[in-house]
Amino acid sequence: MTKQLTLIGLGPMGQAMVGRYLDAGYRVTVWNRTASRADGLVARGAVRAETAADAVAANKLVLLSLTDYKAMYDILDGVDVAGRVIVNLSSDTPADSVKAAAWLAERGAELVVGGVMVPAQLVGEEPAYVFYSGPRAVFDEHVETLRVIGRPDYMGAEHGLAQLFYQAQLDVFLTSLAVTLHASALIEAAGVDPKVLGPYLAETFTTMPMYFEETFEHIARGEHPGDEANILMMGATAEHVVGASEQAGVDTALPAAVASLYERAIAAGRGRESWTALYDVIRQRTLVP
């Protein structure tokens, strides 16, 4: 295994990855539009490239840590990427990953799509993992290098798969962050320190996996028996959260969005089914049971 690579994009995530590779003994060539962001890494042993073209020319393996795929085109357009393996760890949509693979292939490069599933401070630590997709042989060739920044989870040859899983996870993560802030606002509006809520939220998130098995079973069967928490009952609770938010003077957009799922399912006559039947609302399927 050749212990050298190029990394383009030195935001917090890019800097964390370069740091991990330097610690692991890699020769890392770096480039960033704002050159000063490389100063600390160069002091630790990274090699500064003067241009993006120089950075790409330095190594066969090129990692990108950018805002989105548009930034990749802005940086690599006109750069000779022939023979290079581009591992794009930037966030975007699955469809944009597929388009990027075709764009790079036209220029003689291979794309491996990646999605890093931890914040910068956890890169390379035990909880870190990264979704990957693209040609299996190309992934396998570089998997040990990729392992330095987190457990490499290969999702398949279709380039959009890594972004699909990445965005699905972010769907859960971003919604969880937003609902934490919303719940805290409800508490604070009543004059209570939101810190009091913290341990209870931690318990709630810890117990969430107990719902997974039944949820995925219902989805797989396409059947949603409402023996316990049915849509009518849960929908009433969702409306109460909206009402409590209105009374507290807290923004209602988030709980109203949740309540609307229940409202549409009830309007379609699905009220006696399990709350998992909301899946059909989300999938925008015909709701008639």
C-alpha atoms as a PDB file:
ATOM      1  CA  MET A   1       0.000   0.000   0.000  1.00  0.00           C
ATOM      2  CA  THR A   2       1.428   3.370  -1.046  1.00  0.00           C
ATOM      3  CA  LYS A   3       1.121   5.698   1.921  1.00  0.00           C
ATOM      4  CA  GLN A   4       0.522   8.915   0.098  1.00  0.00           C
ATOM      5  CA  LEU A   5      -2.495  10.860  -1.127  1.00  0.00           C
ATOM      6  CA  THR A   6      -3.818  14.281  -1.973  1.00  0.00           C
ATOM      7  CA  LEU A   7      -6.579  16.027  -0.061  1.00  0.00           C
ATOM      8  CA  ILE A   8      -8.332  19.087  -1.450  1.00  0.00           C
ATOM      9  CA  GLY A   9     -10.542  21.175   0.824  1.00  0.00           C
ATOM     10  CA  LEU A  10      -9.332  22.205   4.264  1.00  0.00           C
ATOM     11  CA  GLY A  11     -12.424  23.072   6.213  1.00  0.00           C
ATOM     12  CA  PRO A  12     -12.754  21.480   9.661  1.00  0.00           C
ATOM     13  CA  MET A  13     -13.465  18.037   8.194  1.00  0.00           C
ATOM     14  CA  GLY A  14     -10.628  18.197   5.682  1.00  0.00           C
ATOM     15  CA  GLN A  15      -8.170  19.369   8.318  1.00  0.00           C
ATOM     16  CA  ALA A  16      -9.207  16.557  10.637  1.00  0.00           C
ATOM     17  CA  MET A  17      -8.676  13.973   7.897  1.00  0.00           C
ATOM     18  CA  VAL A  18      -5.270  15.322   6.962  1.00  0.00           C
ATOM     19  CA  GLY A  19      -4.295  15.229  10.621  1.00  0.00           C
ATOM     20  CA  ARG A  20      -5.267  11.580  10.851  1.00  0.00           C
ATOM     21  CA  TYR A  21      -3.280  10.673   7.764  1.00  0.00           C
ATOM     22  CA  LEU A  22      -0.214  12.533   9.005  1.00  0.00           C
ATOM     23  CA  ASP A  23      -0.472  10.715  12.326  1.00  0.00           C
ATOM     24  CA  ALA A  24      -0.622   7.416  10.405  1.00  0.00           C
ATOM     25  CA  GLY A  25       2.582   8.212   8.545  1.00  0.00           C
ATOM     26  CA  TYR A  26       1.151   9.253   5.188  1.00  0.00           C
ATOM     27  CA  ARG A  27       2.695  11.817   2.877  1.00  0.00           C
ATOM     28  CA  VAL A  28      -0.262  14.136   2.282  1.00  0.00           C
ATOM     29  CA  THR A  29      -0.355  16.806  -0.403  1.00  0.00           C
ATOM     30  CA  VAL A  30      -2.931  19.498   0.360  1.00  0.00           C
ATOM     31  CA  TRP A  31      -4.584  22.366  -1.445  1.00  0.00           C
ATOM     32  CA  ASN A  32      -7.250  24.858  -0.488  1.00  0.00           C
ATOM     33  CA  ARG A  33      -8.567  27.996  -2.137  1.00  0.00           C
ATOM     34  CA  THR A  34      -7.582  29.956   0.982  1.00  0.00           C
ATOM     35  CA  ALA A  35      -3.958  28.851   1.133  1.00  0.00           C
ATOM     36  CA  SER A  36      -3.438  29.931   4.749  1.00  0.00           C
ATOM     37  CA  ARG A  37      -5.698  27.109   5.948  1.00  0.00           C
ATOM     38  CA  ALA A  38      -2.880  24.726   5.115  1.00  0.00           C
ATOM     39  CA  ASP A  39      -0.301  26.502   7.301  1.00  0.00           C
ATOM     40  CA  GLY A  40      -0.797  24.422  10.447  1.00  0.00           C
ATOM     41  CA  LEU A  41      -0.864  21.167   8.480  1.00  0.00           C
ATOM     42  CA  VAL A  42       2.284  22.068   6.560  1.00  0.00           C
ATOM     43  CA  ALA A  43       3.969  22.742   9.883  1.00  0.00           C
ATOM     44  CA  ARG A  44       3.050  19.165  10.838  1.00  0.00           C
ATOM     45  CA  GLY A  45       4.510  17.713   7.651  1.00  0.00           C
ATOM     46  CA  ALA A  46       1.876  18.074   4.917  1.00  0.00           C
ATOM     47  CA  VAL A  47       3.024  19.159   1.456  1.00  0.00           C
ATOM     48  CA  ARG A  48       1.442  22.343   0.140  1.00  0.00           C
ATOM     49  CA  ALA A  49       0.529  22.348  -3.565  1.00  0.00           C
ATOM     50  CA  GLU A  50       0.554  25.734  -5.242  1.00  0.00           C
ATOM     51  CA  THR A  51      -2.404  24.927  -7.485  1.00  0.00           C
ATOM     52  CA  ALA A  52      -5.226  22.400  -7.638  1.00  0.00           C
ATOM     53  CA  ALA A  53      -3.600  20.950 -10.745  1.00  0.00           C
ATOM     54  CA  ASP A  54      -0.353  20.413  -8.834  1.00  0.00           C
ATOM     55  CA  ALA A  55      -2.272  18.738  -6.021  1.00  0.00           C
ATOM     56  CA  VAL A  56      -3.992  16.309  -8.394  1.00  0.00           C
ATOM     57  CA  ALA A  57      -0.744  15.575 -10.249  1.00  0.00           C
ATOM     58  CA  ALA A  58       1.029  14.665  -7.017  1.00  0.00           C
ATOM     59  CA  ASN A  59      -0.872  11.420  -6.312  1.00  0.00           C
ATOM     60  CA  LYS A  60      -3.132   8.828  -7.892  1.00  0.00           C
ATOM     61  CA  LEU A  61      -5.536   8.979  -4.920  1.00  0.00           C
ATOM     62  CA  VAL A  62      -7.253  12.353  -4.464  1.00  0.00           C
ATOM     63  CA  LEU A  63      -9.733  12.982  -1.641  1.00  0.00           C
ATOM     64  CA  LEU A  64     -12.148  15.915  -1.857  1.00  0.00           C
ATOM     65  CA  SER A  65     -13.668  17.484   1.248  1.00  0.00           C
ATOM     66  CA  LEU A  66     -15.789  20.288  -0.171  1.00  0.00           C
ATOM     67  CA  THR A  67     -19.147  21.946   0.420  1.00  0.00           C
ATOM     68  CA  ASP A  68     -20.850  20.164  -2.470  1.00  0.00           C
ATOM     69  CA  TYR A  69     -20.236  18.656  -5.897  1.00  0.00           C
ATOM     70  CA  LYS A  70     -20.455  22.044  -7.602  1.00  0.00           C
ATOM     71  CA  ALA A  71     -17.224  22.920  -5.824  1.00  0.00           C
ATOM     72  CA  MET A  72     -15.623  19.843  -7.401  1.00  0.00           C
ATOM     73  CA  TYR A  73     -16.455  21.094 -10.892  1.00  0.00           C
ATOM     74  CA  ASP A  74     -15.212  24.597 -10.041  1.00  0.00           C
ATOM     75  CA  ILE A  75     -11.871  23.218  -8.850  1.00  0.00           C
ATOM     76  CA  LEU A  76     -11.234  20.346 -11.259  1.00  0.00           C
ATOM     77  CA  ASP A  77     -12.598  21.825 -14.496  1.00  0.00           C
ATOM     78  CA  GLY A  78      -9.576  22.115 -16.772  1.00  0.00           C
ATOM     79  CA  VAL A  79      -7.356  20.023 -14.483  1.00  0.00           C
ATOM     80  CA  ASP A  80      -5.862  16.814 -15.896  1.00  0.00           C
ATOM     81  CA  VAL A  81      -7.456  14.054 -13.787  1.00  0.00           C
ATOM     82  CA  ALA A  82      -6.701  11.134 -16.132  1.00  0.00           C
ATOM     83  CA  GLY A  83      -5.646   8.031 -14.234  1.00  0.00           C
ATOM     84  CA  ARG A  84      -6.717   9.434 -10.887  1.00  0.00           C
ATOM     85  CA  VAL A  85      -9.092   7.978  -8.303  1.00  0.00           C
ATOM     86  CA  ILE A  86     -11.244  10.783  -6.943  1.00  0.00           C
ATOM     87  CA  VAL A  87     -12.847  10.032  -3.587  1.00  0.00           C
ATOM     88  CA  ASN A  88     -15.460  12.740  -3.152  1.00  0.00           C
ATOM     89  CA  LEU A  89     -16.437  13.037   0.507  1.00  0.00           C
ATOM     90  CA  SER A  90     -18.594  16.115  -0.082  1.00  0.00           C
ATOM     91  CA  SER A  91     -22.338  16.217   0.522  1.00  0.00           C
ATOM     92  CA  ASP A  92     -24.834  16.304  -2.331  1.00  0.00           C
ATOM     93  CA  THR A  93     -27.685  14.286  -3.813  1.00  0.00           C
ATOM     94  CA  PRO A  94     -27.428  10.723  -5.179  1.00  0.00           C
ATOM     95  CA  ALA A  95     -28.255  11.931  -8.682  1.00  0.00           C
ATOM     96  CA  ASP A  96     -25.469  14.501  -8.564  1.00  0.00           C
ATOM     97  CA  SER A  97     -23.032  11.740  -7.565  1.00  0.00           C
ATOM     98  CA  VAL A  98     -24.012   9.752 -10.652  1.00  0.00           C
ATOM     99  CA  LYS A  99     -23.522  12.809 -12.875  1.00  0.00           C
ATOM    100  CA  ALA A 100     -20.127  13.454 -11.295  1.00  0.00           C
ATOM    101  CA  ALA A 101     -19.029   9.874 -12.003  1.00  0.00           C
ATOM    102  CA  ALA A 102     -19.867  10.333 -15.684  1.00  0.00           C
ATOM    103  CA  TRP A 103     -18.100  13.705 -15.808  1.00  0.00           C
ATOM    104  CA  LEU A 104     -14.927  12.252 -14.326  1.00  0.00           C
ATOM    105  CA  ALA A 105     -15.083   9.134 -16.491  1.00  0.00           C
ATOM    106  CA  GLU A 106     -15.126  11.338 -19.601  1.00  0.00           C
ATOM    107  CA  ARG A 107     -11.831  12.768 -18.335  1.00  0.00           C
ATOM    108  CA  GLY A 108     -10.261   9.408 -17.560  1.00  0.00           C
ATOM    109  CA  ALA A 109     -10.781   9.355 -13.790  1.00  0.00           C
ATOM    110  CA  GLU A 110     -12.660   6.990 -11.472  1.00  0.00           C
ATOM    111  CA  LEU A 111     -15.051   8.259  -8.793  1.00  0.00           C
ATOM    112  CA  VAL A 112     -15.592   6.709  -5.397  1.00  0.00           C
ATOM    113  CA  VAL A 113     -18.405   8.473  -3.542  1.00  0.00           C
ATOM    114  CA  GLY A 114     -18.142   8.836   0.220  1.00  0.00           C
ATOM    115  CA  GLY A 115     -20.167  10.197   3.109  1.00  0.00           C
ATOM    116  CA  VAL A 116     -18.445  10.717   6.468  1.00  0.00           C
ATOM    117  CA  MET A 117     -20.886  10.008   9.276  1.00  0.00           C
ATOM    118  CA  VAL A 118     -19.197  11.779  12.200  1.00  0.00           C
ATOM    119  CA  PRO A 119     -18.261  15.395  12.968  1.00  0.00           C
ATOM    120  CA  ALA A 120     -14.690  16.556  12.455  1.00  0.00           C
ATOM    121  CA  GLN A 121     -13.604  15.908  16.039  1.00  0.00           C
ATOM    122  CA  LEU A 122     -14.473  12.206  15.721  1.00  0.00           C
ATOM    123  CA  VAL A 123     -12.778  11.514  12.373  1.00  0.00           C
ATOM    124  CA  GLY A 124     -10.662   8.402  12.757  1.00  0.00           C
ATOM    125  CA  GLU A 125     -12.047   7.609  16.196  1.00  0.00           C
ATOM    126  CA  GLU A 126     -13.893   4.429  17.172  1.00  0.00           C
ATOM    127  CA  PRO A 127     -17.432   5.675  16.284  1.00  0.00           C
ATOM    128  CA  ALA A 128     -16.370   6.942  12.851  1.00  0.00           C
ATOM    129  CA  TYR A 129     -17.691   5.280   9.728  1.00  0.00           C
ATOM    130  CA  VAL A 130     -17.964   6.328   6.104  1.00  0.00           C
ATOM    131  CA  PHE A 131     -20.411   5.169   3.440  1.00  0.00           C
ATOM    132  CA  TYR A 132     -18.787   4.418   0.059  1.00  0.00           C
ATOM    133  CA  SER A 133     -20.068   3.464  -3.380  1.00  0.00           C
ATOM    134  CA  GLY A 134     -18.518   3.065  -6.799  1.00  0.00           C
ATOM    135  CA  PRO A 135     -16.461   0.410  -8.593  1.00  0.00           C
ATOM    136  CA  ARG A 136     -15.682  -2.399  -6.141  1.00  0.00           C
ATOM    137  CA  ALA A 137     -12.185  -3.033  -7.468  1.00  0.00           C
ATOM    138  CA  VAL A 138     -11.253   0.633  -7.086  1.00  0.00           C
ATOM    139  CA  PHE A 139     -12.661   0.753  -3.564  1.00  0.00           C
ATOM    140  CA  ASP A 140     -10.820  -2.435  -2.595  1.00  0.00           C
ATOM    141  CA  GLU A 141      -7.539  -1.059  -3.912  1.00  0.00           C
ATOM    142  CA  HIS A 142      -7.703   1.876  -1.509  1.00  0.00           C
ATOM    143  CA  VAL A 143      -9.787   0.524   1.360  1.00  0.00           C
ATOM    144  CA  GLU A 144      -6.923   0.370   3.865  1.00  0.00           C
ATOM    145  CA  THR A 145      -6.078   4.001   3.216  1.00  0.00           C
ATOM    146  CA  LEU A 146      -9.745   4.970   3.579  1.00  0.00           C
ATOM    147  CA  ARG A 147      -9.936   3.016   6.834  1.00  0.00           C
ATOM    148  CA  VAL A 148      -7.676   5.603   8.507  1.00  0.00           C
ATOM    149  CA  ILE A 149     -10.529   8.126   8.714  1.00  0.00           C
ATOM    150  CA  GLY A 150     -13.248   5.680   9.797  1.00  0.00           C
ATOM    151  CA  ARG A 151     -14.776   2.265   9.214  1.00  0.00           C
ATOM    152  CA  PRO A 152     -15.354   1.971   5.449  1.00  0.00           C
ATOM    153  CA  ASP A 153     -18.862   0.686   4.696  1.00  0.00           C
ATOM    154  CA  TYR A 154     -19.193  -0.225   1.028  1.00  0.00           C
ATOM    155  CA  MET A 155     -22.809   0.093  -0.135  1.00  0.00           C
ATOM    156  CA  GLY A 156     -22.534  -1.003  -3.750  1.00  0.00           C
ATOM    157  CA  ALA A 157     -21.279  -0.196  -7.245  1.00  0.00           C
ATOM    158  CA  GLU A 158     -24.012   2.321  -8.121  1.00  0.00           C
ATOM    159  CA  HIS A 159     -22.451   5.703  -7.394  1.00  0.00           C
ATOM    160  CA  GLY A 160     -25.542   7.247  -5.817  1.00  0.00           C
ATOM    161  CA  LEU A 161     -25.817   4.680  -3.008  1.00  0.00           C
ATOM    162  CA  ALA A 162     -23.328   6.250  -0.596  1.00  0.00           C
ATOM    163  CA  GLN A 163     -25.084   9.617  -0.831  1.00  0.00           C
ATOM    164  CA  LEU A 164     -28.450   7.913  -0.463  1.00  0.00           C
ATOM    165  CA  PHE A 165     -27.452   6.388   2.864  1.00  0.00           C
ATOM    166  CA  TYR A 166     -25.589   9.538   3.899  1.00  0.00           C
ATOM    167  CA  GLN A 167     -28.594  11.785   3.304  1.00  0.00           C
ATOM    168  CA  ALA A 168     -30.942   9.281   4.979  1.00  0.00           C
ATOM    169  CA  GLN A 169     -28.780   9.390   8.092  1.00  0.00           C
ATOM    170  CA  LEU A 170     -28.637  13.175   7.968  1.00  0.00           C
ATOM    171  CA  ASP A 171     -32.433  13.206   7.665  1.00  0.00           C
ATOM    172  CA  VAL A 172     -32.578  11.570  11.077  1.00  0.00           C
ATOM    173  CA  PHE A 173     -29.703  13.595  12.528  1.00  0.00           C
ATOM    174  CA  LEU A 174     -30.835  17.052  11.427  1.00  0.00           C
ATOM    175  CA  THR A 175     -34.433  16.387  12.453  1.00  0.00           C
ATOM    176  CA  SER A 176     -33.226  15.159  15.848  1.00  0.00           C
ATOM    177  CA  LEU A 177     -31.181  18.331  16.361  1.00  0.00           C
ATOM    178  CA  ALA A 178     -34.112  20.517  15.322  1.00  0.00           C
ATOM    179  CA  VAL A 179     -36.592  18.734  17.579  1.00  0.00           C
ATOM    180  CA  THR A 180     -34.148  18.996  20.487  1.00  0.00           C
ATOM    181  CA  LEU A 181     -34.060  22.757  20.030  1.00  0.00           C
ATOM    182  CA  HIS A 182     -37.838  22.902  19.662  1.00  0.00           C
ATOM    183  CA  ALA A 183     -38.425  20.908  22.848  1.00  0.00           C
ATOM    184  CA  SER A 184     -35.912  23.106  24.671  1.00  0.00           C
ATOM    185  CA  ALA A 185     -37.757  26.215  23.485  1.00  0.00           C
ATOM    186  CA  LEU A 186     -41.031  24.833  24.877  1.00  0.00           C
ATOM    187  CA  ILE A 187     -39.395  24.315  28.266  1.00  0.00           C
ATOM    188  CA  GLU A 188     -37.611  27.671  28.303  1.00  0.00           C
ATOM    189  CA  ALA A 189     -40.816  29.517  27.329  1.00  0.00           C
ATOM    190  CA  ALA A 190     -42.282  28.356  30.636  1.00  0.00           C
ATOM    191  CA  GLY A 191     -39.332  29.802  32.521  1.00  0.00           C
ATOM    192  CA  VAL A 192     -37.602  26.472  33.104  1.00  0.00           C
ATOM    193  CA  ASP A 193     -33.914  25.907  32.360  1.00  0.00           C
ATOM    194  CA  PRO A 194     -33.772  23.648  29.266  1.00  0.00           C
ATOM    195  CA  LYS A 195     -30.887  21.742  30.878  1.00  0.00           C
ATOM    196  CA  VAL A 196     -33.499  20.026  33.043  1.00  0.00           C
ATOM    197  CA  LEU A 197     -34.839  18.374  29.898  1.00  0.00           C
ATOM    198  CA  GLY A 198     -31.469  16.982  28.829  1.00  0.00           C
ATOM    199  CA  PRO A 199     -31.455  13.673  30.746  1.00  0.00           C
ATOM    200  CA  TYR A 200     -35.009  12.896  29.636  1.00  0.00           C
ATOM    201  CA  LEU A 201     -34.154  13.505  25.987  1.00  0.00           C
ATOM    202  CA  ALA A 202     -31.147  11.224  26.369  1.00  0.00           C
ATOM    203  CA  GLU A 203     -33.428   8.481  27.666  1.00  0.00           C
ATOM    204  CA  THR A 204     -35.839   8.988  24.773  1.00  0.00           C
ATOM    205  CA  PHE A 205     -33.114   8.709  22.146  1.00  0.00           C
ATOM    206  CA  THR A 206     -31.666   5.650  23.899  1.00  0.00           C
ATOM    207  CA  THR A 207     -34.993   3.821  23.707  1.00  0.00           C
ATOM    208  CA  MET A 208     -35.669   4.594  20.041  1.00  0.00           C
ATOM    209  CA  PRO A 209     -34.110   1.341  18.716  1.00  0.00           C
ATOM    210  CA  MET A 210     -36.827  -0.670  20.464  1.00  0.00           C
ATOM    211  CA  TYR A 211     -39.230   0.535  17.755  1.00  0.00           C
ATOM    212  CA  PHE A 212     -37.034  -0.401  14.791  1.00  0.00           C
ATOM    213  CA  GLU A 213     -37.757  -4.113  14.421  1.00  0.00           C
ATOM    214  CA  GLU A 214     -41.531  -3.694  14.354  1.00  0.00           C
ATOM    215  CA  THR A 215     -41.294  -0.615  12.118  1.00  0.00           C
ATOM    216  CA  PHE A 216     -39.230  -2.324   9.437  1.00  0.00           C
ATOM    217  CA  GLU A 217     -41.353  -5.462   9.670  1.00  0.00           C
ATOM    218  CA  HIS A 218     -44.519  -3.437   9.034  1.00  0.00           C
ATOM    219  CA  ILE A 219     -42.872  -1.630   6.109  1.00  0.00           C
ATOM    220  CA  ALA A 220     -41.670  -4.908   4.584  1.00  0.00           C
ATOM    221  CA  ARG A 221     -45.127  -6.535   4.846  1.00  0.00           C
ATOM    222  CA  GLY A 222     -47.038  -3.449   3.827  1.00  0.00           C
ATOM    223  CA  GLU A 223     -49.338  -4.098   6.784  1.00  0.00           C
ATOM    224  CA  HIS A 224     -49.749  -1.836   9.796  1.00  0.00           C
ATOM    225  CA  PRO A 225     -51.834  -3.445  12.557  1.00  0.00           C
ATOM    226  CA  GLY A 226     -52.919  -0.787  15.045  1.00  0.00           C
ATOM    227  CA  ASP A 227     -53.163  -2.916  18.166  1.00  0.00           C
ATOM    228  CA  GLU A 228     -51.318  -0.376  20.289  1.00  0.00           C
ATOM    229  CA  ALA A 229     -50.249   3.089  19.125  1.00  0.00           C
ATOM    230  CA  ASN A 230     -52.647   3.801  16.280  1.00  0.00           C
ATOM    231  CA  ILE A 231     -52.789   6.891  14.114  1.00  0.00           C
ATOM    232  CA  LEU A 232     -55.866   8.392  15.788  1.00  0.00           C
ATOM    233  CA  MET A 233     -54.203   8.284  19.190  1.00  0.00           C
ATOM    234  CA  MET A 234     -50.805   9.458  17.993  1.00  0.00           C
ATOM    235  CA  GLY A 235     -52.401  12.108  15.789  1.00  0.00           C
ATOM    236  CA  ALA A 236     -54.194  13.604  18.785  1.00  0.00           C
ATOM    237  CA  THR A 237     -50.864  13.802  20.596  1.00  0.00           C
ATOM    238  CA  ALA A 238     -49.251  15.471  17.584  1.00  0.00           C
ATOM    239  CA  GLU A 239     -51.997  18.119  17.620  1.00  0.00           C
ATOM    240  CA  HIS A 240     -51.385  18.687  21.324  1.00  0.00           C
ATOM    241  CA  VAL A 241     -47.723  19.412  20.618  1.00  0.00           C
ATOM    242  CA  VAL A 242     -48.811  21.995  18.031  1.00  0.00           C
ATOM    243  CA  GLY A 243     -51.236  23.510  20.531  1.00  0.00           C
ATOM    244  CA  ALA A 244     -48.618  23.671  23.275  1.00  0.00           C
ATOM    245  CA  SER A 245     -46.239  25.368  20.869  1.00  0.00           C
ATOM    246  CA  GLU A 246     -48.828  27.974  19.867  1.00  0.00           C
ATOM    247  CA  GLN A 247     -49.605  28.710  23.503  1.00  0.00           C
ATOM    248  CA  ALA A 248     -45.918  29.075  24.326  1.00  0.00           C
ATOM    249  CA  GLY A 249     -45.281  31.408  21.396  1.00  0.00           C
ATOM    250  CA  VAL A 250     -42.855  28.895  19.878  1.00  0.00           C
ATOM    251  CA  ASP A 251     -42.555  28.303  16.129  1.00  0.00           C
ATOM    252  CA  THR A 252     -45.004  25.593  15.052  1.00  0.00           C
ATOM    253  CA  ALA A 253     -43.591  24.617  11.647  1.00  0.00           C
ATOM    254  CA  LEU A 254     -41.837  21.468  12.853  1.00  0.00           C
ATOM    255  CA  PRO A 255     -44.646  19.911  14.942  1.00  0.00           C
ATOM    256  CA  ALA A 256     -47.225  21.032  12.357  1.00  0.00           C
ATOM    257  CA  ALA A 257     -45.320  19.111   9.680  1.00  0.00           C
ATOM    258  CA  VAL A 258     -45.476  15.974  11.824  1.00  0.00           C
ATOM    259  CA  ALA A 259     -49.160  16.512  12.624  1.00  0.00           C
ATOM    260  CA  SER A 260     -49.952  16.893   8.925  1.00  0.00           C
ATOM    261  CA  LEU A 261     -48.807  13.310   8.289  1.00  0.00           C
ATOM    262  CA  TYR A 262     -51.358  12.040  10.801  1.00  0.00           C
ATOM    263  CA  GLU A 263     -54.071  14.334   9.436  1.00  0.00           C
ATOM    264  CA  ARG A 264     -53.655  13.006   5.905  1.00  0.00           C
ATOM    265  CA  ALA A 265     -53.653   9.395   7.047  1.00  0.00           C
ATOM    266  CA  ILE A 266     -56.811   9.942   9.119  1.00  0.00           C
ATOM    267  CA  ALA A 267     -58.513  11.688   6.186  1.00  0.00           C
ATOM    268  CA  ALA A 268     -57.786   8.578   4.106  1.00  0.00           C
ATOM    269  CA  GLY A 269     -59.473   6.317   6.646  1.00  0.00           C
ATOM    270  CA  ARG A 270     -56.281   4.857   8.101  1.00  0.00           C
ATOM    271  CA  GLY A 271     -56.786   6.091  11.663  1.00  0.00           C
ATOM    272  CA  ARG A 272     -57.104   2.628  13.256  1.00  0.00           C
ATOM    273  CA  GLU A 273     -53.821   1.450  11.801  1.00  0.00           C
ATOM    274  CA  SER A 274     -50.421   1.679  13.444  1.00  0.00           C
ATOM    275  CA  TRP A 275     -48.505   4.926  13.241  1.00  0.00           C
ATOM    276  CA  THR A 276     -46.144   3.079  10.870  1.00  0.00           C
ATOM    277  CA  ALA A 277     -48.818   3.462   8.175  1.00  0.00           C
ATOM    278  CA  LEU A 278     -47.585   7.052   7.886  1.00  0.00           C
ATOM    279  CA  TYR A 279     -44.945   5.461   5.674  1.00  0.00           C
ATOM    280  CA  ASP A 280     -47.506   5.416   2.870  1.00  0.00           C
ATOM    281  CA  VAL A 281     -48.095   9.146   3.326  1.00  0.00           C
ATOM    282  CA  ILE A 282     -44.364   9.826   3.188  1.00  0.00           C
ATOM    283  CA  ARG A 283     -43.941   7.607   0.120  1.00  0.00           C
ATOM    284  CA  GLN A 284     -46.871   9.476  -1.451  1.00  0.00           C
ATOM    285  CA  ARG A 285     -48.704   6.261  -2.177  1.00  0.00           C
ATOM    286  CA  THR A 286     -52.445   5.813  -2.562  1.00  0.00           C
ATOM    287  CA  LEU A 287     -53.686   5.969   0.995  1.00  0.00           C
ATOM    288  CA  VAL A 288     -56.886   3.979   0.669  1.00  0.00           C
ATOM    289  CA  PRO A 289     -56.439   0.838   2.838  1.00  0.00           C
END
